[in-house]
Amino acid sequence: MRDWSPDRVADAAGARLVAPAPHATGPARVVTLSGRRTLATPLSNDSPLGGEERLAVYTTPLADGNLFYALTVVPGRDEAAYASTFESILRSIRLTDQR
């Protein structure tokens, strides 16, 4: 299995998924996603439509060595309004690979 340390996760997922230069809005934290320890990394970025967008990258390794990730993106001003919807979506994820 690959070593998915927090530094490698941030490089593999966060830095490559958002551009040009997202910045952390708080510390990464460990959460549970589909019964697994998952790294949640909050980011923000300038929106191409103007204003700020808020992102969260959720990452967890799979049994085959690949990395599963989920990404949420919302305009900064609407972050609170979408929080419960994103939480419901994340709770609905079921990863079925065998570890």
Protein backbone atom coordinates (compact mmCIF):
# COMPACT_ATOMS: atom_id res chain seq x y z
CA MET A 1 0.00 0.00 0.00
CA ARG A 2 1.21 3.50 -0.74
CA ASP A 3 2.18 5.84 2.08
CA TRP A 4 -0.55 8.49 2.00
CA SER A 5 0.88 10.88 4.57
CA PRO A 6 -0.85 14.26 4.97
CA ASP A 7 1.87 15.93 2.87
CA ARG A 8 1.43 13.45 0.01
CA VAL A 9 -2.36 13.71 0.22
CA ALA A 10 -2.25 17.49 -0.03
CA ASP A 11 0.09 17.24 -3.00
CA ALA A 12 -1.87 14.51 -4.79
CA ALA A 13 -5.35 15.88 -4.23
CA GLY A 14 -5.58 19.48 -3.12
CA ALA A 15 -2.78 21.04 -5.10
CA ARG A 16 -3.76 19.37 -8.36
CA LEU A 17 -7.52 19.77 -8.13
CA VAL A 18 -7.76 23.50 -7.59
CA ALA A 19 -5.89 26.29 -9.27
CA PRO A 20 -4.13 28.59 -9.40
CA ALA A 21 -3.04 28.71 -5.76
CA PRO A 22 -5.51 27.61 -3.10
CA HIS A 23 -4.61 28.30 0.49
CA ALA A 24 -5.54 26.50 3.67
CA THR A 25 -8.23 28.15 5.75
CA GLY A 26 -7.56 26.01 8.79
CA PRO A 27 -5.71 22.89 9.83
CA ALA A 28 -6.46 19.57 8.18
CA ARG A 29 -8.41 17.30 10.50
CA VAL A 30 -9.22 13.62 10.69
CA VAL A 31 -12.91 12.79 10.17
CA THR A 32 -14.81 9.57 9.48
CA LEU A 33 -16.06 8.81 5.96
CA SER A 34 -17.64 5.44 5.27
CA GLY A 35 -16.25 4.15 8.58
CA ARG A 36 -12.68 5.15 7.67
CA ARG A 37 -10.23 7.68 8.97
CA THR A 38 -10.27 10.43 6.37
CA LEU A 39 -8.24 13.61 6.08
CA ALA A 40 -10.38 16.72 5.59
CA THR A 41 -8.47 19.72 4.24
CA PRO A 42 -10.23 23.13 4.11
CA LEU A 43 -9.08 25.47 1.34
CA SER A 44 -10.13 28.72 -0.28
CA ASN A 45 -9.45 30.13 -3.70
CA ASP A 46 -10.39 33.09 -5.86
CA SER A 47 -13.44 32.12 -7.90
CA PRO A 48 -13.20 32.55 -11.66
CA LEU A 49 -16.66 34.14 -11.34
CA GLY A 50 -15.48 36.66 -8.77
CA GLY A 51 -15.30 36.52 -5.01
CA GLU A 52 -13.98 33.67 -2.93
CA GLU A 53 -14.83 29.99 -3.16
CA ARG A 54 -14.51 27.59 -0.25
CA LEU A 55 -13.32 24.05 -0.87
CA ALA A 56 -12.88 20.95 1.24
CA VAL A 57 -10.90 17.94 0.07
CA TYR A 58 -11.65 14.62 1.80
CA THR A 59 -9.11 11.86 1.16
CA THR A 60 -8.68 8.27 2.29
CA PRO A 61 -6.57 5.41 0.92
CA LEU A 62 -8.19 2.40 -0.72
CA ALA A 63 -7.11 -1.23 -0.33
CA ASP A 64 -5.54 -1.30 -3.81
CA GLY A 65 -3.26 1.63 -2.97
CA ASN A 66 -5.27 4.27 -4.84
CA LEU A 67 -6.61 7.39 -3.18
CA PHE A 68 -10.34 8.09 -2.88
CA TYR A 69 -11.21 11.76 -2.70
CA ALA A 70 -14.35 13.84 -2.46
CA LEU A 71 -14.32 17.56 -3.10
CA THR A 72 -16.85 20.18 -2.09
CA VAL A 73 -16.85 23.66 -3.63
CA VAL A 74 -19.16 26.54 -2.77
CA PRO A 75 -19.08 30.34 -3.01
CA GLY A 76 -17.64 31.65 0.26
CA ARG A 77 -20.75 33.66 1.08
CA ASP A 78 -22.92 30.51 0.79
CA GLU A 79 -20.74 28.10 2.79
CA ALA A 80 -23.03 27.93 5.83
CA ALA A 81 -26.14 27.44 3.69
CA TYR A 82 -24.64 24.35 2.00
CA ALA A 83 -22.94 22.80 5.05
CA SER A 84 -25.76 20.39 5.96
CA THR A 85 -26.23 19.32 2.32
CA PHE A 86 -22.52 18.51 1.97
CA GLU A 87 -22.58 16.61 5.29
CA SER A 88 -25.54 14.52 4.06
CA ILE A 89 -23.76 13.74 0.79
CA LEU A 90 -20.56 12.73 2.59
CA ARG A 91 -22.53 10.50 5.03
CA SER A 92 -24.11 8.73 2.05
CA ILE A 93 -20.75 7.58 0.61
CA ARG A 94 -20.13 3.85 0.98
CA LEU A 95 -16.68 2.51 0.14
CA THR A 96 -16.80 -1.26 -0.29
CA ASP A 97 -13.22 -2.26 -1.09
CA GLN A 98 -11.71 -4.77 1.33
CA ARG A 99 -8.85 -3.51 3.46
